[in-house]
Each structure stands twice: as structure tokens, then as C-alpha cells.
């Protein structure tokens, strides 16, 4: 693997705890996280705190459009948490969205990996009608937003309209868009590279086997294999631009409406740090495009 590819993948998967230094932009993101106000509520959608989400509501009576946020971190429990997306969550709240920022089981958590991680994302999404009984949420204006490894899961959540039972999304929670922020849309290409950038293999443990051993599972887990998704795709390119551009082209060729933003000089973390120029541009872009007709 080339040094450039290793660097890009490392930025994708979030810095390994073994790394000597934080990658560009991470220190600013962590500082921003520390300043965030508490959410309006924390609600379980499953049996424990790993299956819960933070709710942030804008001012007013609603009903509000919904942004469901999914954090990244190597699909592994030690690399990041729901707090990783709190700055973007707060920025979207300020732009009029009700935010459902979810935690989920990952590698290292009991039940994490295939199928538990994917079951949790589906369950968090499918819990929205229950939340709407308490909070003023407009289920017809739902976008799923993910960053890094969470971008893969956000795109996967959007692909549920194309998947068979038990994975398909109920009609009440069909998103109008998915927002992919500097993350992958398939898993098999990262087998092998993941051990170099995460300090351990993650893709094969996540899926319970290699692509050759689990072809059906990898296909279900790869939204790039299910184009067109049938919804708007809002894509932010950062450190992984060479890996994401083919998906942008494929989604457009398949007929999905696609809006893409490539901020100048972006790194993997400033794009989800709204106090930075690139982070503000991304928050504005998501707010403007996620519900566009």
C-alpha cells in the first residue's frame, strides 16, 4: 500500500489510539466538542446505553425536519463515541433541524459487528416514529448524516429501501436524503489496509469473515452495490476525495440526484468542526441541500 493511500485511510477511520500525534484538525474538533451544550434529552432506542441517542431541538414549535447523525471511528468502540458528532449536531440544530445523534454497538462491544452494528443503525432509524409521539418531528423530512466510518453506515441506512427483509426500512422512516461526509460506501476494498491504519484488522472482524467467505453479507452492507438509492445524496469530499469521487459518478449515473462539496484545503476533521471555515461551509451545505427538491 502506498504512503498516500495509508494516510488517506487513516484519516477515514479516525486516528488510532496508538498514534503518537493527532491528525490535522482533530485537536480543534475535540476542543469544540468540550464546549457543546447538553442535549435536550438522551433516549434509549434499545436495551442499553449503547443503543441510545441524543436529541437536540431547535427553537419554535415544529414540526421540525430531522437529521439522524452517525459518528465514525473504525467501526470500533475505542476510537470515538456519539460525542464526535456533537459540534455538527449543534450546528444543524441552530439551522432548524431536530437532531437524533445516535450511539450504536461497535467492535469491542457485546453484540457489535455483523449483524449487531447494522441492526442498531436500523433500530435507531426505525425508532423515529416513537420519538415523534413525544417530540415535534416531521418524519417526511428525514436526512441521515454520517462522517467517516459513520458515513458508510449513513449511506447503508439510506440503502435500506433497496434491501430485502429484515433489513428494509418501513415506509414511515424513508429518508429524503443521505449525507456522506468523507467516508466509504463499501467495505471490501479496505480489507488489509485497515490493520495498518487502525492498529488492528477491523473489516473482517466487523463482518465475521472475508469477502470471499461472506459475499452476501458484504453485499448487503455495501450501499454502493444498491444504486440508485432513490433519494438525494449530499456528499462532502475531504481527505478521501480519490476514493469518493467514483461513488459520486456512479450515483449520478444511476440516476440519484447528487450534490457534492469539496472544501478547499479540507482535512478529515475540520469539515465536522463548525467553528472552522470548512466546517461552517459543510454545515451550511448540508442544511441547504439535504431537503432540497
Protein backbone atom coordinates (compact mmCIF):
# COMPACT_ATOMS: atom_id res chain seq x y z
CA UNK A 1 0.00 0.00 0.00
CA UNK A 2 1.31 3.45 -0.87
CA UNK A 3 2.01 6.02 1.81
CA UNK A 4 -0.63 8.32 0.31
CA UNK A 5 -3.25 5.60 0.49
CA UNK A 6 -2.33 4.69 4.05
CA UNK A 7 -2.58 8.34 5.10
CA UNK A 8 -5.95 8.75 3.45
CA UNK A 9 -7.35 5.62 5.03
CA UNK A 10 -6.01 6.61 8.42
CA UNK A 11 -7.88 9.88 8.12
CA UNK A 12 -11.00 7.98 7.15
CA UNK A 13 -11.02 5.60 10.03
CA UNK A 14 -10.09 8.17 12.70
CA UNK A 15 -6.72 8.25 14.38
CA UNK A 16 -5.66 5.07 16.07
CA UNK A 17 -5.20 5.31 19.85
CA UNK A 18 -1.68 4.08 19.14
CA UNK A 19 -0.86 7.16 17.06
CA UNK A 20 1.81 9.44 18.54
CA UNK A 21 0.12 12.61 17.31
CA UNK A 22 -3.38 13.70 16.48
CA UNK A 23 -4.02 14.10 12.75
CA UNK A 24 -4.73 17.61 11.41
CA UNK A 25 -7.96 19.08 12.68
CA UNK A 26 -8.65 16.60 15.47
CA UNK A 27 -7.45 18.81 18.34
CA UNK A 28 -9.75 21.60 17.18
CA UNK A 29 -12.65 19.18 16.90
CA UNK A 30 -12.08 17.84 20.42
CA UNK A 31 -11.90 21.39 21.79
CA UNK A 32 -15.17 22.21 20.04
CA UNK A 33 -16.83 19.11 21.49
CA UNK A 34 -15.93 20.21 25.01
CA UNK A 35 -17.88 23.44 24.54
CA UNK A 36 -21.14 21.90 23.37
CA UNK A 37 -24.30 22.36 25.45
CA UNK A 38 -26.06 19.31 26.79
CA UNK A 39 -28.71 17.75 24.54
CA UNK A 40 -32.39 18.26 25.26
CA UNK A 41 -32.73 14.57 26.06
CA UNK A 42 -30.98 11.21 25.85
CA UNK A 43 -33.31 8.37 24.86
CA UNK A 44 -32.72 4.65 24.51
CA UNK A 45 -33.92 3.01 21.32
CA UNK A 46 -32.68 -0.40 22.52
CA UNK A 47 -31.80 -2.40 25.60
CA UNK A 48 -28.84 -0.42 26.96
CA UNK A 49 -26.99 2.90 26.78
CA UNK A 50 -25.06 1.77 23.70
CA UNK A 51 -28.39 1.83 21.92
CA UNK A 52 -29.38 5.39 22.69
CA UNK A 53 -29.34 8.81 21.09
CA UNK A 54 -29.10 12.47 21.95
CA UNK A 55 -31.97 14.72 20.93
CA UNK A 56 -31.43 18.40 20.13
CA UNK A 57 -34.39 20.56 19.20
CA UNK A 58 -34.37 23.98 17.54
CA UNK A 59 -36.37 26.86 18.90
CA UNK A 60 -40.03 27.01 17.99
CA UNK A 61 -42.98 24.66 17.97
CA UNK A 62 -42.14 22.47 14.98
CA UNK A 63 -42.75 20.04 13.40
CA UNK A 64 -39.06 20.06 12.57
CA UNK A 65 -37.07 18.31 9.86
CA UNK A 66 -34.89 15.55 11.29
CA UNK A 67 -31.17 14.90 10.89
CA UNK A 68 -30.12 11.50 12.21
CA UNK A 69 -26.36 11.63 12.85
CA UNK A 70 -23.95 8.67 12.92
CA UNK A 71 -20.38 9.09 14.18
CA UNK A 72 -17.32 7.28 12.84
CA UNK A 73 -14.28 5.68 14.39
CA UNK A 74 -13.10 2.46 12.70
CA UNK A 75 -16.44 0.79 13.44
CA UNK A 76 -14.76 0.14 16.82
CA UNK A 77 -15.69 1.13 20.34
CA UNK A 78 -12.33 2.58 21.40
CA UNK A 79 -11.95 5.21 18.68
CA UNK A 80 -14.91 7.56 19.03
CA UNK A 81 -18.37 7.96 20.53
CA UNK A 82 -21.58 9.85 19.93
CA UNK A 83 -19.76 12.96 21.20
CA UNK A 84 -17.73 13.02 17.99
CA UNK A 85 -20.70 14.50 16.12
CA UNK A 86 -21.95 16.94 18.76
CA UNK A 87 -20.49 20.08 17.10
CA UNK A 88 -22.22 19.27 13.82
CA UNK A 89 -25.36 18.26 15.71
CA UNK A 90 -25.47 21.62 17.43
CA UNK A 91 -24.78 23.45 14.16
CA UNK A 92 -27.68 21.68 12.45
CA UNK A 93 -29.94 22.39 15.41
CA UNK A 94 -29.13 26.07 15.01
CA UNK A 95 -30.07 25.75 11.35
CA UNK A 96 -33.55 24.45 12.14
CA UNK A 97 -33.12 20.68 12.34
CA UNK A 98 -34.18 18.40 15.13
CA UNK A 99 -31.15 16.16 15.62
CA UNK A 100 -31.12 12.48 16.60
CA UNK A 101 -27.41 11.80 17.24
CA UNK A 102 -27.09 8.07 17.83
CA UNK A 103 -24.74 5.69 19.59
CA UNK A 104 -24.55 2.06 18.49
CA UNK A 105 -22.67 -1.16 19.22
CA UNK A 106 -19.30 -1.49 17.51
CA UNK A 107 -16.39 -3.90 17.55
CA UNK A 108 -15.41 -4.40 21.18
CA UNK A 109 -18.98 -4.05 22.43
CA UNK A 110 -21.07 -7.15 23.16
CA UNK A 111 -23.06 -7.81 20.02
CA UNK A 112 -21.08 -5.35 17.90
CA UNK A 113 -20.14 -6.16 14.30
CA UNK A 114 -22.30 -8.05 11.85
CA UNK A 115 -25.21 -8.08 12.26
CA UNK A 116 -25.49 -6.13 15.53
CA UNK A 117 -23.98 -2.83 14.37
CA UNK A 118 -26.31 -2.76 11.37
CA UNK A 119 -29.30 -3.83 13.45
CA UNK A 120 -28.63 -0.90 15.76
CA UNK A 121 -28.50 1.65 12.95
CA UNK A 122 -31.75 0.25 11.58
CA UNK A 123 -33.35 0.25 15.03
CA UNK A 124 -32.29 3.85 15.72
CA UNK A 125 -33.80 4.89 12.41
CA UNK A 126 -36.98 2.89 12.97
CA UNK A 127 -37.42 4.41 16.46
CA UNK A 128 -38.12 7.84 14.99
CA UNK A 129 -41.93 7.35 14.83
CA UNK A 130 -41.85 6.59 18.56
CA UNK A 131 -39.84 9.76 19.21
CA UNK A 132 -42.32 11.72 17.10
CA UNK A 133 -45.03 10.88 19.64
CA UNK A 134 -43.12 12.98 22.21
CA UNK A 135 -41.14 15.47 20.15
CA UNK A 136 -42.32 17.66 17.24
CA UNK A 137 -40.58 15.75 14.43
CA UNK A 138 -41.54 15.77 10.75
CA UNK A 139 -40.92 12.21 9.58
CA UNK A 140 -41.41 13.24 5.96
CA UNK A 141 -38.28 15.43 6.13
CA UNK A 142 -35.63 12.98 7.33
CA UNK A 143 -31.97 13.01 6.36
CA UNK A 144 -29.32 10.53 7.55
CA UNK A 145 -25.89 12.13 8.12
CA UNK A 146 -22.65 10.25 8.77
CA UNK A 147 -18.96 11.05 8.98
CA UNK A 148 -16.03 8.73 8.22
CA UNK A 149 -16.99 5.13 9.09
CA UNK A 150 -20.34 6.62 10.08
CA UNK A 151 -20.72 7.88 6.51
CA UNK A 152 -20.71 4.25 5.38
CA UNK A 153 -23.46 3.49 7.90
CA UNK A 154 -25.48 6.56 6.85
CA UNK A 155 -25.34 5.52 3.21
CA UNK A 156 -26.24 1.99 4.30
CA UNK A 157 -29.26 3.33 6.19
CA UNK A 158 -30.32 5.09 3.01
CA UNK A 159 -29.89 1.88 1.03
CA UNK A 160 -32.38 0.03 3.23
CA UNK A 161 -35.13 0.98 0.78
CA UNK A 162 -33.34 -1.35 -1.66
CA UNK A 163 -32.74 -4.23 0.75
CA UNK A 164 -34.86 -7.32 1.45
CA UNK A 165 -36.39 -8.19 4.82
CA UNK A 166 -35.37 -8.00 7.59
CA UNK A 167 -33.28 -5.00 6.53
CA UNK A 168 -35.74 -2.95 4.55
CA UNK A 169 -36.91 0.34 6.04
CA UNK A 170 -40.57 0.79 6.96
CA UNK A 171 -42.42 3.43 4.95
CA UNK A 172 -42.64 5.73 7.98
CA UNK A 173 -38.87 6.29 8.01
CA UNK A 174 -37.87 6.60 4.38
CA UNK A 175 -35.21 9.36 4.25
CA UNK A 176 -35.34 12.04 1.60
CA UNK A 177 -31.54 12.19 1.55
CA UNK A 178 -28.33 10.77 2.91
CA UNK A 179 -25.28 12.87 3.74
CA UNK A 180 -21.92 11.15 3.24
CA UNK A 181 -19.13 13.18 4.85
CA UNK A 182 -15.70 11.91 3.80
CA UNK A 183 -16.39 8.22 4.22
CA UNK A 184 -16.67 4.97 2.24
CA UNK A 185 -19.66 3.33 0.64
CA UNK A 186 -18.27 -0.19 0.52
CA UNK A 187 -16.10 -2.37 2.78
CA UNK A 188 -14.18 -4.99 0.81
CA UNK A 189 -11.55 -2.58 -0.60
CA UNK A 190 -10.35 -1.76 2.92
CA UNK A 191 -9.56 -5.32 3.96
CA UNK A 192 -5.83 -5.42 4.63
CA UNK A 193 -5.32 -1.67 4.77
CA UNK A 194 -7.39 -1.43 7.95
CA UNK A 195 -4.77 -3.19 10.09
CA UNK A 196 -2.15 -0.63 9.11
CA UNK A 197 -4.27 2.40 9.89
CA UNK A 198 -6.35 1.22 12.86
CA UNK A 199 -3.69 -0.79 14.64
CA UNK A 200 -5.72 -3.94 14.10
CA UNK A 201 -7.95 -5.51 11.43
CA UNK A 202 -11.49 -4.16 11.60
CA UNK A 203 -13.37 -5.02 8.40
CA UNK A 204 -13.13 -8.81 8.56
CA UNK A 205 -13.96 -8.84 12.31
CA UNK A 206 -16.82 -6.41 11.64
CA UNK A 207 -18.33 -8.69 9.01
CA UNK A 208 -17.42 -12.01 10.62
CA UNK A 209 -15.31 -13.20 7.68
CA UNK A 210 -13.62 -12.18 4.46
CA UNK A 211 -15.47 -11.00 1.35
CA UNK A 212 -14.93 -14.45 -0.16
CA UNK A 213 -16.37 -16.15 2.94
CA UNK A 214 -19.29 -13.74 3.41
CA UNK A 215 -20.19 -12.40 -0.05
CA UNK A 216 -23.90 -12.00 0.69
CA UNK A 217 -23.21 -10.11 3.92
CA UNK A 218 -20.70 -7.79 2.28
CA UNK A 219 -23.16 -7.03 -0.48
CA UNK A 220 -25.94 -6.18 1.97
CA UNK A 221 -23.51 -3.97 3.91
CA UNK A 222 -22.26 -2.05 0.85
CA UNK A 223 -24.61 0.72 -0.30
CA UNK A 224 -22.52 1.23 -3.45
CA UNK A 225 -23.93 -2.12 -4.59
CA UNK A 226 -27.53 -0.88 -4.33
CA UNK A 227 -27.57 2.23 -6.51
CA UNK A 228 -29.77 4.01 -7.23
CA UNK A 229 -30.79 4.56 -3.63
CA UNK A 230 -33.80 6.58 -4.76
CA UNK A 231 -33.01 9.60 -2.62
CA UNK A 232 -30.84 12.69 -2.79
CA UNK A 233 -27.21 12.16 -1.91
CA UNK A 234 -25.28 15.01 -0.34
CA UNK A 235 -21.58 14.24 -0.38
CA UNK A 236 -18.68 16.09 1.24
CA UNK A 237 -15.18 15.28 0.00
CA UNK A 238 -12.16 15.79 2.20
CA UNK A 239 -9.09 13.65 2.77
CA UNK A 240 -10.68 10.75 0.90
CA UNK A 241 -11.59 12.56 -2.29
CA UNK A 242 -9.93 9.99 -4.63
CA UNK A 243 -11.91 7.20 -3.00
CA UNK A 244 -15.25 9.02 -3.00
CA UNK A 245 -15.32 10.54 -6.48
CA UNK A 246 -16.02 7.19 -8.21
CA UNK A 247 -19.09 6.77 -6.00
CA UNK A 248 -20.28 10.30 -6.82
CA UNK A 249 -20.04 9.44 -10.53
CA UNK A 250 -21.75 6.07 -10.04
CA UNK A 251 -24.64 7.56 -8.05
CA UNK A 252 -25.21 10.21 -10.70
CA UNK A 253 -25.01 7.66 -13.49
CA UNK A 254 -27.57 5.51 -11.66
CA UNK A 255 -30.00 8.46 -11.56
CA UNK A 256 -29.77 9.65 -7.96
CA UNK A 257 -29.62 13.43 -7.53
CA UNK A 258 -26.19 14.21 -6.09
CA UNK A 259 -24.83 17.42 -4.57
CA UNK A 260 -21.09 17.36 -3.86
CA UNK A 261 -18.91 19.81 -1.93
CA UNK A 262 -15.11 19.74 -1.89
CA UNK A 263 -13.92 22.46 0.52
CA UNK A 264 -10.54 23.96 -0.30
CA UNK A 265 -7.72 22.54 1.79
CA UNK A 266 -10.09 20.38 3.84
CA UNK A 267 -8.93 17.69 6.21
CA UNK A 268 -10.92 14.84 7.66
CA UNK A 269 -11.88 16.66 10.86
CA UNK A 270 -12.23 20.36 10.12
CA UNK A 271 -15.23 19.52 7.92
CA UNK A 272 -17.22 18.48 11.03
CA UNK A 273 -15.91 21.36 13.18
CA UNK A 274 -18.35 24.21 12.50
CA UNK A 275 -16.14 26.84 14.16
CA UNK A 276 -13.70 26.43 11.24
CA UNK A 277 -14.40 27.93 7.80
CA UNK A 278 -14.65 24.49 6.21
CA UNK A 279 -16.85 23.18 9.00
CA UNK A 280 -19.23 26.13 8.67
CA UNK A 281 -19.34 25.62 4.91
CA UNK A 282 -20.25 21.96 5.40
CA UNK A 283 -22.99 22.74 7.95
CA UNK A 284 -24.44 25.36 5.59
CA UNK A 285 -24.20 22.95 2.64
CA UNK A 286 -25.97 20.14 4.49
CA UNK A 287 -28.70 22.48 5.73
CA UNK A 288 -29.25 23.86 2.23
CA UNK A 289 -29.12 20.62 0.24
CA UNK A 290 -30.40 17.80 2.47
CA UNK A 291 -34.06 18.75 1.97
CA UNK A 292 -33.77 20.25 -1.50
CA UNK A 293 -36.45 19.27 -4.01
